[in-house]
Amino acid sequence: FAVLVLPLDFSGSYLENIELLVPDKEFVVGIYKKICANLDELNDYCNNLIKDTVASNNYLVLLSNLSLSQLMSQENEIIMCKEIIRTTIKSGSKLFIKAHPRAPTEVIASIVDGLKSEYKLTIIDNDGLSKMPIELWGELIEKCTIVPIFSTSAINMKYISNKEVILPLNDRLIKKYFYNDQVDDIIMSNQSIKQSIISLESWDGKSVLWKALK
Protein backbone atom coordinates (compact mmCIF):
# COMPACT_ATOMS: atom_id res chain seq x y z
CA PHE A 1 0.00 0.00 0.00
CA ALA A 2 1.37 3.44 -0.93
CA VAL A 3 0.24 6.98 -0.13
CA LEU A 4 1.83 9.35 -2.64
CA VAL A 5 1.01 12.96 -3.47
CA LEU A 6 2.69 12.74 -6.88
CA PRO A 7 3.15 9.08 -7.85
CA LEU A 8 6.17 8.70 -10.15
CA ASP A 9 7.31 5.21 -11.14
CA PHE A 10 10.91 5.26 -12.36
CA SER A 11 11.03 1.49 -12.80
CA GLY A 12 7.88 1.37 -14.92
CA SER A 13 6.39 -1.45 -12.89
CA TYR A 14 6.96 -0.77 -9.19
CA LEU A 15 3.47 0.64 -8.57
CA GLU A 16 1.55 -1.79 -10.79
CA ASN A 17 0.62 -4.26 -8.05
CA ILE A 18 0.46 -1.84 -5.13
CA GLU A 19 -2.76 -0.31 -3.86
CA LEU A 20 -2.32 3.43 -4.33
CA LEU A 21 -3.90 6.30 -2.43
CA VAL A 22 -3.38 9.84 -3.73
CA PRO A 23 -4.56 12.62 -1.37
CA ASP A 24 -6.88 15.23 -2.91
CA LYS A 25 -5.05 18.28 -4.19
CA GLU A 26 -7.24 20.57 -2.07
CA PHE A 27 -6.08 18.71 1.04
CA VAL A 28 -2.41 18.83 -0.03
CA VAL A 29 -2.49 22.55 -0.83
CA GLY A 30 -4.29 23.25 2.45
CA ILE A 31 -1.56 21.53 4.46
CA TYR A 32 1.11 23.30 2.41
CA LYS A 33 -0.43 26.71 3.12
CA LYS A 34 -0.66 25.98 6.86
CA ILE A 35 3.02 25.06 6.93
CA CYS A 36 4.07 28.16 4.98
CA ALA A 37 1.96 30.44 7.18
CA ASN A 38 3.99 29.39 10.23
CA LEU A 39 7.44 29.92 8.74
CA ASP A 40 7.80 33.47 10.02
CA GLU A 41 11.57 33.80 9.60
CA LEU A 42 11.50 32.46 6.04
CA ASN A 43 8.50 34.60 5.08
CA ASP A 44 10.17 37.72 6.46
CA TYR A 45 13.33 36.90 4.50
CA CYS A 46 11.35 36.37 1.27
CA ASN A 47 9.39 39.59 1.75
CA ASN A 48 12.64 41.48 2.26
CA LEU A 49 13.99 39.99 -0.98
CA ILE A 50 10.97 41.08 -3.01
CA LYS A 51 10.10 44.36 -1.27
CA ASP A 52 11.12 46.51 -4.27
CA THR A 53 10.13 43.96 -6.92
CA VAL A 54 7.28 44.45 -9.36
CA ALA A 55 5.08 41.51 -10.35
CA SER A 56 6.52 40.76 -13.79
CA ASN A 57 9.82 39.91 -15.45
CA ASN A 58 11.24 38.20 -12.35
CA TYR A 59 12.88 34.80 -12.42
CA LEU A 60 13.86 32.41 -9.67
CA VAL A 61 16.82 30.38 -10.96
CA LEU A 62 17.42 27.15 -9.05
CA LEU A 63 20.97 25.92 -9.43
CA SER A 64 21.75 22.24 -8.95
CA ASN A 65 24.55 20.22 -7.40
CA LEU A 66 25.93 18.70 -10.58
CA SER A 67 29.72 18.70 -10.26
CA LEU A 68 29.80 17.62 -6.61
CA SER A 69 27.41 14.80 -7.57
CA GLN A 70 29.98 13.62 -10.12
CA LEU A 71 27.68 14.33 -13.08
CA MET A 72 29.96 16.84 -14.79
CA SER A 73 33.08 18.88 -14.14
CA GLN A 74 32.87 22.07 -12.10
CA GLU A 75 34.02 24.08 -15.12
CA ASN A 76 31.22 22.61 -17.25
CA GLU A 77 28.63 23.30 -14.56
CA ILE A 78 29.57 26.99 -14.51
CA ILE A 79 29.63 27.30 -18.31
CA MET A 80 26.36 25.39 -18.78
CA CYS A 81 24.46 27.41 -16.17
CA LYS A 82 25.55 30.69 -17.74
CA GLU A 83 24.58 29.43 -21.20
CA ILE A 84 21.17 28.28 -19.96
CA ILE A 85 20.42 31.60 -18.27
CA ARG A 86 21.54 33.67 -21.26
CA THR A 87 19.51 31.64 -23.75
CA THR A 88 16.41 31.35 -21.55
CA ILE A 89 16.05 34.72 -19.83
CA LYS A 90 16.12 38.13 -21.48
CA SER A 91 19.03 40.37 -20.56
CA GLY A 92 18.10 43.03 -18.00
CA SER A 93 15.59 40.82 -16.17
CA LYS A 94 15.49 40.50 -12.40
CA LEU A 95 17.05 37.20 -11.30
CA PHE A 96 16.89 35.61 -7.88
CA ILE A 97 19.59 32.94 -7.86
CA LYS A 98 19.42 30.14 -5.34
CA ALA A 99 22.27 27.68 -5.10
CA HIS A 100 21.81 24.07 -4.04
CA PRO A 101 22.56 23.84 -0.28
CA ARG A 102 25.46 21.45 -0.89
CA ALA A 103 26.88 23.11 -4.01
CA PRO A 104 30.44 24.50 -3.87
CA THR A 105 30.47 28.25 -3.18
CA GLU A 106 32.91 28.86 -6.03
CA VAL A 107 30.31 27.62 -8.54
CA ILE A 108 27.68 30.24 -7.71
CA ALA A 109 30.40 32.91 -7.32
CA SER A 110 31.66 32.25 -10.85
CA ILE A 111 28.15 32.16 -12.31
CA VAL A 112 27.25 35.44 -10.66
CA ASP A 113 30.52 37.08 -11.72
CA GLY A 114 29.83 36.13 -15.34
CA LEU A 115 26.26 37.47 -15.35
CA LYS A 116 26.32 40.51 -13.08
CA SER A 117 26.65 42.98 -15.95
CA GLU A 118 23.72 41.45 -17.88
CA TYR A 119 21.02 40.97 -15.22
CA LYS A 120 19.68 42.47 -12.02
CA LEU A 121 20.91 39.79 -9.64
CA THR A 122 19.84 38.96 -6.12
CA ILE A 123 21.71 36.07 -4.53
CA ILE A 124 19.95 33.98 -1.90
CA ASP A 125 22.81 33.48 0.52
CA ASN A 126 21.26 32.96 3.96
CA ASP A 127 23.08 29.80 5.06
CA GLY A 128 20.35 28.60 7.43
CA LEU A 129 17.25 29.37 5.38
CA SER A 130 18.82 28.23 2.11
CA LYS A 131 18.67 24.66 3.39
CA MET A 132 14.87 24.77 3.54
CA PRO A 133 13.04 23.15 0.58
CA ILE A 134 12.37 25.65 -2.19
CA GLU A 135 8.70 24.65 -2.25
CA LEU A 136 8.26 26.46 1.08
CA TRP A 137 9.47 29.82 -0.25
CA GLY A 138 5.91 30.79 -1.13
CA GLU A 139 6.26 34.58 -1.00
CA LEU A 140 9.20 34.51 -3.42
CA ILE A 141 7.69 31.86 -5.70
CA GLU A 142 4.54 33.95 -6.08
CA LYS A 143 6.54 36.79 -7.65
CA CYS A 144 8.63 34.75 -10.06
CA THR A 145 8.77 32.50 -13.08
CA ILE A 146 10.64 29.40 -11.95
CA VAL A 147 13.73 28.24 -13.86
CA PRO A 148 15.22 25.07 -12.35
CA ILE A 149 18.46 23.95 -13.98
CA PHE A 150 17.70 20.32 -13.09
CA SER A 151 15.29 19.59 -10.23
CA THR A 152 12.22 17.49 -9.47
CA SER A 153 11.04 20.45 -7.38
CA ALA A 154 9.75 21.83 -10.68
CA ILE A 155 6.94 19.24 -10.56
CA ASN A 156 6.03 20.14 -6.99
CA MET A 157 5.86 23.88 -7.65
CA LYS A 158 3.76 23.43 -10.76
CA TYR A 159 1.37 21.16 -8.85
CA ILE A 160 1.09 23.07 -5.58
CA SER A 161 1.46 26.69 -6.70
CA ASN A 162 0.42 26.37 -10.37
CA LYS A 163 3.43 28.49 -11.27
CA GLU A 164 4.93 28.87 -14.71
CA VAL A 165 8.00 26.64 -14.78
CA ILE A 166 10.61 26.83 -17.54
CA LEU A 167 12.65 23.65 -18.02
CA PRO A 168 15.72 24.75 -19.98
CA LEU A 169 17.77 21.54 -19.92
CA ASN A 170 17.62 19.55 -23.16
CA ASP A 171 19.34 16.60 -24.82
CA ARG A 172 21.88 18.82 -26.59
CA LEU A 173 23.05 20.40 -23.34
CA ILE A 174 23.13 17.06 -21.56
CA LYS A 175 25.31 15.49 -24.26
CA LYS A 176 27.55 18.55 -24.37
CA TYR A 177 28.25 19.07 -20.66
CA PHE A 178 27.53 15.90 -18.65
CA TYR A 179 29.98 13.02 -18.32
CA ASN A 180 29.41 10.47 -21.09
CA ASP A 181 28.51 7.65 -18.71
CA GLN A 182 25.77 9.82 -17.15
CA VAL A 183 24.09 11.04 -20.32
CA ASP A 184 21.44 8.33 -20.76
CA ASP A 185 20.29 8.47 -17.13
CA ILE A 186 20.14 12.27 -17.10
CA ILE A 187 18.15 12.36 -20.35
CA MET A 188 15.64 9.91 -18.85
CA SER A 189 15.39 11.87 -15.59
CA ASN A 190 14.98 15.17 -17.41
CA GLN A 191 12.25 13.70 -19.60
CA SER A 192 10.47 12.35 -16.52
CA ILE A 193 10.30 15.87 -15.07
CA LYS A 194 9.04 17.41 -18.31
CA GLN A 195 6.48 14.67 -18.98
CA SER A 196 5.23 14.76 -15.38
CA ILE A 197 4.54 18.48 -15.66
CA ILE A 198 2.72 17.96 -18.97
CA SER A 199 0.71 15.10 -17.46
CA LEU A 200 -0.49 17.33 -14.62
CA GLU A 201 -2.81 19.06 -17.12
CA SER A 202 -4.88 15.91 -17.71
CA TRP A 203 -4.07 13.81 -14.63
CA ASP A 204 -7.05 12.31 -12.83
CA GLY A 205 -5.40 12.81 -9.43
CA LYS A 206 -5.77 9.13 -8.55
CA SER A 207 -3.49 7.08 -10.77
CA VAL A 208 0.26 7.12 -11.44
CA LEU A 209 1.25 10.54 -12.78
CA TRP A 210 4.23 9.26 -14.78
CA LYS A 211 6.03 5.95 -15.23
CA ALA A 212 9.05 4.89 -17.23
CA LEU A 213 8.63 2.70 -20.27
CA LYS A 214 9.62 -0.90 -19.54
C-alpha atoms as a PDB file:
ATOM      1  CA  PHE A   1       0.000   0.000   0.000  1.00  0.00           C
ATOM      2  CA  ALA A   2       1.372   3.441  -0.927  1.00  0.00           C
ATOM      3  CA  VAL A   3       0.238   6.980  -0.133  1.00  0.00           C
ATOM      4  CA  LEU A   4       1.832   9.354  -2.637  1.00  0.00           C
ATOM      5  CA  VAL A   5       1.008  12.959  -3.465  1.00  0.00           C
ATOM      6  CA  LEU A   6       2.691  12.736  -6.884  1.00  0.00           C
ATOM      7  CA  PRO A   7       3.152   9.078  -7.848  1.00  0.00           C
ATOM      8  CA  LEU A   8       6.166   8.697 -10.147  1.00  0.00           C
ATOM      9  CA  ASP A   9       7.311   5.215 -11.136  1.00  0.00           C
ATOM     10  CA  PHE A  10      10.913   5.262 -12.356  1.00  0.00           C
ATOM     11  CA  SER A  11      11.026   1.488 -12.803  1.00  0.00           C
ATOM     12  CA  GLY A  12       7.885   1.374 -14.925  1.00  0.00           C
ATOM     13  CA  SER A  13       6.391  -1.452 -12.893  1.00  0.00           C
ATOM     14  CA  TYR A  14       6.958  -0.769  -9.190  1.00  0.00           C
ATOM     15  CA  LEU A  15       3.469   0.641  -8.567  1.00  0.00           C
ATOM     16  CA  GLU A  16       1.549  -1.787 -10.787  1.00  0.00           C
ATOM     17  CA  ASN A  17       0.619  -4.257  -8.052  1.00  0.00           C
ATOM     18  CA  ILE A  18       0.459  -1.841  -5.130  1.00  0.00           C
ATOM     19  CA  GLU A  19      -2.757  -0.308  -3.856  1.00  0.00           C
ATOM     20  CA  LEU A  20      -2.323   3.429  -4.333  1.00  0.00           C
ATOM     21  CA  LEU A  21      -3.900   6.300  -2.430  1.00  0.00           C
ATOM     22  CA  VAL A  22      -3.376   9.838  -3.725  1.00  0.00           C
ATOM     23  CA  PRO A  23      -4.558  12.622  -1.367  1.00  0.00           C
ATOM     24  CA  ASP A  24      -6.880  15.231  -2.908  1.00  0.00           C
ATOM     25  CA  LYS A  25      -5.047  18.282  -4.193  1.00  0.00           C
ATOM     26  CA  GLU A  26      -7.238  20.566  -2.069  1.00  0.00           C
ATOM     27  CA  PHE A  27      -6.075  18.711   1.045  1.00  0.00           C
ATOM     28  CA  VAL A  28      -2.408  18.825  -0.025  1.00  0.00           C
ATOM     29  CA  VAL A  29      -2.495  22.549  -0.830  1.00  0.00           C
ATOM     30  CA  GLY A  30      -4.291  23.255   2.452  1.00  0.00           C
ATOM     31  CA  ILE A  31      -1.559  21.525   4.457  1.00  0.00           C
ATOM     32  CA  TYR A  32       1.108  23.296   2.411  1.00  0.00           C
ATOM     33  CA  LYS A  33      -0.433  26.713   3.118  1.00  0.00           C
ATOM     34  CA  LYS A  34      -0.656  25.978   6.855  1.00  0.00           C
ATOM     35  CA  ILE A  35       3.018  25.055   6.933  1.00  0.00           C
ATOM     36  CA  CYS A  36       4.071  28.158   4.983  1.00  0.00           C
ATOM     37  CA  ALA A  37       1.962  30.443   7.181  1.00  0.00           C
ATOM     38  CA  ASN A  38       3.987  29.387  10.231  1.00  0.00           C
ATOM     39  CA  LEU A  39       7.442  29.924   8.744  1.00  0.00           C
ATOM     40  CA  ASP A  40       7.803  33.473  10.022  1.00  0.00           C
ATOM     41  CA  GLU A  41      11.571  33.803   9.596  1.00  0.00           C
ATOM     42  CA  LEU A  42      11.504  32.459   6.037  1.00  0.00           C
ATOM     43  CA  ASN A  43       8.495  34.596   5.079  1.00  0.00           C
ATOM     44  CA  ASP A  44      10.171  37.716   6.455  1.00  0.00           C
ATOM     45  CA  TYR A  45      13.333  36.904   4.501  1.00  0.00           C
ATOM     46  CA  CYS A  46      11.346  36.366   1.270  1.00  0.00           C
ATOM     47  CA  ASN A  47       9.395  39.588   1.748  1.00  0.00           C
ATOM     48  CA  ASN A  48      12.636  41.477   2.259  1.00  0.00           C
ATOM     49  CA  LEU A  49      13.995  39.994  -0.979  1.00  0.00           C
ATOM     50  CA  ILE A  50      10.966  41.079  -3.011  1.00  0.00           C
ATOM     51  CA  LYS A  51      10.098  44.358  -1.273  1.00  0.00           C
ATOM     52  CA  ASP A  52      11.125  46.506  -4.267  1.00  0.00           C
ATOM     53  CA  THR A  53      10.132  43.961  -6.922  1.00  0.00           C
ATOM     54  CA  VAL A  54       7.275  44.446  -9.362  1.00  0.00           C
ATOM     55  CA  ALA A  55       5.083  41.515 -10.353  1.00  0.00           C
ATOM     56  CA  SER A  56       6.516  40.762 -13.795  1.00  0.00           C
ATOM     57  CA  ASN A  57       9.819  39.906 -15.454  1.00  0.00           C
ATOM     58  CA  ASN A  58      11.240  38.198 -12.347  1.00  0.00           C
ATOM     59  CA  TYR A  59      12.882  34.797 -12.425  1.00  0.00           C
ATOM     60  CA  LEU A  60      13.863  32.405  -9.674  1.00  0.00           C
ATOM     61  CA  VAL A  61      16.822  30.375 -10.960  1.00  0.00           C
ATOM     62  CA  LEU A  62      17.424  27.147  -9.047  1.00  0.00           C
ATOM     63  CA  LEU A  63      20.969  25.921  -9.428  1.00  0.00           C
ATOM     64  CA  SER A  64      21.752  22.240  -8.946  1.00  0.00           C
ATOM     65  CA  ASN A  65      24.551  20.220  -7.402  1.00  0.00           C
ATOM     66  CA  LEU A  66      25.931  18.704 -10.579  1.00  0.00           C
ATOM     67  CA  SER A  67      29.716  18.702 -10.258  1.00  0.00           C
ATOM     68  CA  LEU A  68      29.796  17.622  -6.612  1.00  0.00           C
ATOM     69  CA  SER A  69      27.406  14.803  -7.575  1.00  0.00           C
ATOM     70  CA  GLN A  70      29.984  13.621 -10.124  1.00  0.00           C
ATOM     71  CA  LEU A  71      27.678  14.328 -13.076  1.00  0.00           C
ATOM     72  CA  MET A  72      29.960  16.844 -14.785  1.00  0.00           C
ATOM     73  CA  SER A  73      33.084  18.884 -14.136  1.00  0.00           C
ATOM     74  CA  GLN A  74      32.873  22.071 -12.097  1.00  0.00           C
ATOM     75  CA  GLU A  75      34.016  24.077 -15.122  1.00  0.00           C
ATOM     76  CA  ASN A  76      31.224  22.615 -17.251  1.00  0.00           C
ATOM     77  CA  GLU A  77      28.629  23.302 -14.564  1.00  0.00           C
ATOM     78  CA  ILE A  78      29.568  26.987 -14.505  1.00  0.00           C
ATOM     79  CA  ILE A  79      29.632  27.301 -18.306  1.00  0.00           C
ATOM     80  CA  MET A  80      26.365  25.395 -18.780  1.00  0.00           C
ATOM     81  CA  CYS A  81      24.462  27.405 -16.167  1.00  0.00           C
ATOM     82  CA  LYS A  82      25.554  30.686 -17.743  1.00  0.00           C
ATOM     83  CA  GLU A  83      24.584  29.427 -21.197  1.00  0.00           C
ATOM     84  CA  ILE A  84      21.168  28.285 -19.961  1.00  0.00           C
ATOM     85  CA  ILE A  85      20.422  31.603 -18.273  1.00  0.00           C
ATOM     86  CA  ARG A  86      21.540  33.670 -21.257  1.00  0.00           C
ATOM     87  CA  THR A  87      19.506  31.643 -23.754  1.00  0.00           C
ATOM     88  CA  THR A  88      16.409  31.345 -21.546  1.00  0.00           C
ATOM     89  CA  ILE A  89      16.047  34.722 -19.833  1.00  0.00           C
ATOM     90  CA  LYS A  90      16.122  38.134 -21.482  1.00  0.00           C
ATOM     91  CA  SER A  91      19.028  40.374 -20.558  1.00  0.00           C
ATOM     92  CA  GLY A  92      18.099  43.034 -17.995  1.00  0.00           C
ATOM     93  CA  SER A  93      15.590  40.821 -16.170  1.00  0.00           C
ATOM     94  CA  LYS A  94      15.494  40.498 -12.404  1.00  0.00           C
ATOM     95  CA  LEU A  95      17.048  37.198 -11.301  1.00  0.00           C
ATOM     96  CA  PHE A  96      16.895  35.614  -7.884  1.00  0.00           C
ATOM     97  CA  ILE A  97      19.594  32.941  -7.864  1.00  0.00           C
ATOM     98  CA  LYS A  98      19.417  30.139  -5.336  1.00  0.00           C
ATOM     99  CA  ALA A  99      22.266  27.676  -5.100  1.00  0.00           C
ATOM    100  CA  HIS A 100      21.806  24.068  -4.038  1.00  0.00           C
ATOM    101  CA  PRO A 101      22.556  23.836  -0.277  1.00  0.00           C
ATOM    102  CA  ARG A 102      25.464  21.447  -0.888  1.00  0.00           C
ATOM    103  CA  ALA A 103      26.883  23.105  -4.014  1.00  0.00           C
ATOM    104  CA  PRO A 104      30.443  24.500  -3.873  1.00  0.00           C
ATOM    105  CA  THR A 105      30.465  28.250  -3.180  1.00  0.00           C
ATOM    106  CA  GLU A 106      32.912  28.860  -6.031  1.00  0.00           C
ATOM    107  CA  VAL A 107      30.307  27.625  -8.540  1.00  0.00           C
ATOM    108  CA  ILE A 108      27.678  30.242  -7.710  1.00  0.00           C
ATOM    109  CA  ALA A 109      30.401  32.912  -7.320  1.00  0.00           C
ATOM    110  CA  SER A 110      31.662  32.246 -10.849  1.00  0.00           C
ATOM    111  CA  ILE A 111      28.153  32.160 -12.314  1.00  0.00           C
ATOM    112  CA  VAL A 112      27.254  35.444 -10.665  1.00  0.00           C
ATOM    113  CA  ASP A 113      30.519  37.084 -11.720  1.00  0.00           C
ATOM    114  CA  GLY A 114      29.826  36.133 -15.338  1.00  0.00           C
ATOM    115  CA  LEU A 115      26.264  37.467 -15.347  1.00  0.00           C
ATOM    116  CA  LYS A 116      26.316  40.510 -13.075  1.00  0.00           C
ATOM    117  CA  SER A 117      26.645  42.983 -15.950  1.00  0.00           C
ATOM    118  CA  GLU A 118      23.716  41.449 -17.880  1.00  0.00           C
ATOM    119  CA  TYR A 119      21.021  40.971 -15.222  1.00  0.00           C
ATOM    120  CA  LYS A 120      19.677  42.467 -12.023  1.00  0.00           C
ATOM    121  CA  LEU A 121      20.907  39.794  -9.636  1.00  0.00           C
ATOM    122  CA  THR A 122      19.838  38.960  -6.116  1.00  0.00           C
ATOM    123  CA  ILE A 123      21.706  36.068  -4.525  1.00  0.00           C
ATOM    124  CA  ILE A 124      19.951  33.977  -1.902  1.00  0.00           C
ATOM    125  CA  ASP A 125      22.814  33.482   0.518  1.00  0.00           C
ATOM    126  CA  ASN A 126      21.264  32.961   3.959  1.00  0.00           C
ATOM    127  CA  ASP A 127      23.082  29.798   5.060  1.00  0.00           C
ATOM    128  CA  GLY A 128      20.354  28.605   7.428  1.00  0.00           C
ATOM    129  CA  LEU A 129      17.249  29.366   5.377  1.00  0.00           C
ATOM    130  CA  SER A 130      18.817  28.228   2.106  1.00  0.00           C
ATOM    131  CA  LYS A 131      18.668  24.658   3.388  1.00  0.00           C
ATOM    132  CA  MET A 132      14.870  24.767   3.543  1.00  0.00           C
ATOM    133  CA  PRO A 133      13.037  23.151   0.578  1.00  0.00           C
ATOM    134  CA  ILE A 134      12.373  25.646  -2.191  1.00  0.00           C
ATOM    135  CA  GLU A 135       8.697  24.652  -2.246  1.00  0.00           C
ATOM    136  CA  LEU A 136       8.259  26.458   1.083  1.00  0.00           C
ATOM    137  CA  TRP A 137       9.469  29.816  -0.253  1.00  0.00           C
ATOM    138  CA  GLY A 138       5.914  30.791  -1.134  1.00  0.00           C
ATOM    139  CA  GLU A 139       6.260  34.578  -1.003  1.00  0.00           C
ATOM    140  CA  LEU A 140       9.196  34.510  -3.415  1.00  0.00           C
ATOM    141  CA  ILE A 141       7.693  31.858  -5.696  1.00  0.00           C
ATOM    142  CA  GLU A 142       4.540  33.953  -6.076  1.00  0.00           C
ATOM    143  CA  LYS A 143       6.542  36.793  -7.653  1.00  0.00           C
ATOM    144  CA  CYS A 144       8.635  34.750 -10.062  1.00  0.00           C
ATOM    145  CA  THR A 145       8.767  32.500 -13.076  1.00  0.00           C
ATOM    146  CA  ILE A 146      10.642  29.399 -11.952  1.00  0.00           C
ATOM    147  CA  VAL A 147      13.734  28.241 -13.862  1.00  0.00           C
ATOM    148  CA  PRO A 148      15.219  25.066 -12.348  1.00  0.00           C
ATOM    149  CA  ILE A 149      18.460  23.948 -13.980  1.00  0.00           C
ATOM    150  CA  PHE A 150      17.698  20.317 -13.095  1.00  0.00           C
ATOM    151  CA  SER A 151      15.293  19.590 -10.232  1.00  0.00           C
ATOM    152  CA  THR A 152      12.219  17.488  -9.472  1.00  0.00           C
ATOM    153  CA  SER A 153      11.043  20.452  -7.381  1.00  0.00           C
ATOM    154  CA  ALA A 154       9.746  21.830 -10.683  1.00  0.00           C
ATOM    155  CA  ILE A 155       6.937  19.242 -10.562  1.00  0.00           C
ATOM    156  CA  ASN A 156       6.030  20.143  -6.994  1.00  0.00           C
ATOM    157  CA  MET A 157       5.864  23.884  -7.646  1.00  0.00           C
ATOM    158  CA  LYS A 158       3.761  23.432 -10.765  1.00  0.00           C
ATOM    159  CA  TYR A 159       1.373  21.165  -8.852  1.00  0.00           C
ATOM    160  CA  ILE A 160       1.090  23.075  -5.579  1.00  0.00           C
ATOM    161  CA  SER A 161       1.456  26.686  -6.699  1.00  0.00           C
ATOM    162  CA  ASN A 162       0.420  26.369 -10.371  1.00  0.00           C
ATOM    163  CA  LYS A 163       3.425  28.492 -11.270  1.00  0.00           C
ATOM    164  CA  GLU A 164       4.935  28.867 -14.710  1.00  0.00           C
ATOM    165  CA  VAL A 165       8.003  26.642 -14.777  1.00  0.00           C
ATOM    166  CA  ILE A 166      10.610  26.830 -17.541  1.00  0.00           C
ATOM    167  CA  LEU A 167      12.646  23.654 -18.015  1.00  0.00           C
ATOM    168  CA  PRO A 168      15.725  24.751 -19.984  1.00  0.00           C
ATOM    169  CA  LEU A 169      17.772  21.545 -19.923  1.00  0.00           C
ATOM    170  CA  ASN A 170      17.617  19.548 -23.160  1.00  0.00           C
ATOM    171  CA  ASP A 171      19.340  16.599 -24.819  1.00  0.00           C
ATOM    172  CA  ARG A 172      21.883  18.818 -26.590  1.00  0.00           C
ATOM    173  CA  LEU A 173      23.046  20.403 -23.340  1.00  0.00           C
ATOM    174  CA  ILE A 174      23.134  17.059 -21.560  1.00  0.00           C
ATOM    175  CA  LYS A 175      25.308  15.492 -24.258  1.00  0.00           C
ATOM    176  CA  LYS A 176      27.555  18.552 -24.371  1.00  0.00           C
ATOM    177  CA  TYR A 177      28.247  19.069 -20.662  1.00  0.00           C
ATOM    178  CA  PHE A 178      27.527  15.899 -18.650  1.00  0.00           C
ATOM    179  CA  TYR A 179      29.976  13.019 -18.322  1.00  0.00           C
ATOM    180  CA  ASN A 180      29.415  10.469 -21.086  1.00  0.00           C
ATOM    181  CA  ASP A 181      28.507   7.655 -18.713  1.00  0.00           C
ATOM    182  CA  GLN A 182      25.772   9.816 -17.151  1.00  0.00           C
ATOM    183  CA  VAL A 183      24.092  11.040 -20.321  1.00  0.00           C
ATOM    184  CA  ASP A 184      21.437   8.334 -20.764  1.00  0.00           C
ATOM    185  CA  ASP A 185      20.290   8.466 -17.130  1.00  0.00           C
ATOM    186  CA  ILE A 186      20.139  12.267 -17.099  1.00  0.00           C
ATOM    187  CA  ILE A 187      18.153  12.360 -20.345  1.00  0.00           C
ATOM    188  CA  MET A 188      15.640   9.906 -18.852  1.00  0.00           C
ATOM    189  CA  SER A 189      15.393  11.867 -15.593  1.00  0.00           C
ATOM    190  CA  ASN A 190      14.976  15.167 -17.409  1.00  0.00           C
ATOM    191  CA  GLN A 191      12.246  13.699 -19.599  1.00  0.00           C
ATOM    192  CA  SER A 192      10.470  12.354 -16.521  1.00  0.00           C
ATOM    193  CA  ILE A 193      10.304  15.872 -15.071  1.00  0.00           C
ATOM    194  CA  LYS A 194       9.038  17.414 -18.309  1.00  0.00           C
ATOM    195  CA  GLN A 195       6.484  14.673 -18.977  1.00  0.00           C
ATOM    196  CA  SER A 196       5.230  14.757 -15.380  1.00  0.00           C
ATOM    197  CA  ILE A 197       4.539  18.481 -15.661  1.00  0.00           C
ATOM    198  CA  ILE A 198       2.717  17.962 -18.967  1.00  0.00           C
ATOM    199  CA  SER A 199       0.715  15.099 -17.455  1.00  0.00           C
ATOM    200  CA  LEU A 200      -0.489  17.335 -14.621  1.00  0.00           C
ATOM    201  CA  GLU A 201      -2.805  19.063 -17.117  1.00  0.00           C
ATOM    202  CA  SER A 202      -4.883  15.913 -17.710  1.00  0.00           C
ATOM    203  CA  TRP A 203      -4.070  13.815 -14.629  1.00  0.00           C
ATOM    204  CA  ASP A 204      -7.055  12.309 -12.825  1.00  0.00           C
ATOM    205  CA  GLY A 205      -5.401  12.805  -9.428  1.00  0.00           C
ATOM    206  CA  LYS A 206      -5.775   9.126  -8.551  1.00  0.00           C
ATOM    207  CA  SER A 207      -3.491   7.081 -10.773  1.00  0.00           C
ATOM    208  CA  VAL A 208       0.259   7.117 -11.443  1.00  0.00           C
ATOM    209  CA  LEU A 209       1.255  10.543 -12.776  1.00  0.00           C
ATOM    210  CA  TRP A 210       4.230   9.258 -14.777  1.00  0.00           C
ATOM    211  CA  LYS A 211       6.030   5.954 -15.229  1.00  0.00           C
ATOM    212  CA  ALA A 212       9.048   4.888 -17.234  1.00  0.00           C
ATOM    213  CA  LEU A 213       8.632   2.697 -20.268  1.00  0.00           C
ATOM    214  CA  LYS A 214       9.617  -0.897 -19.536  1.00  0.00           C
END
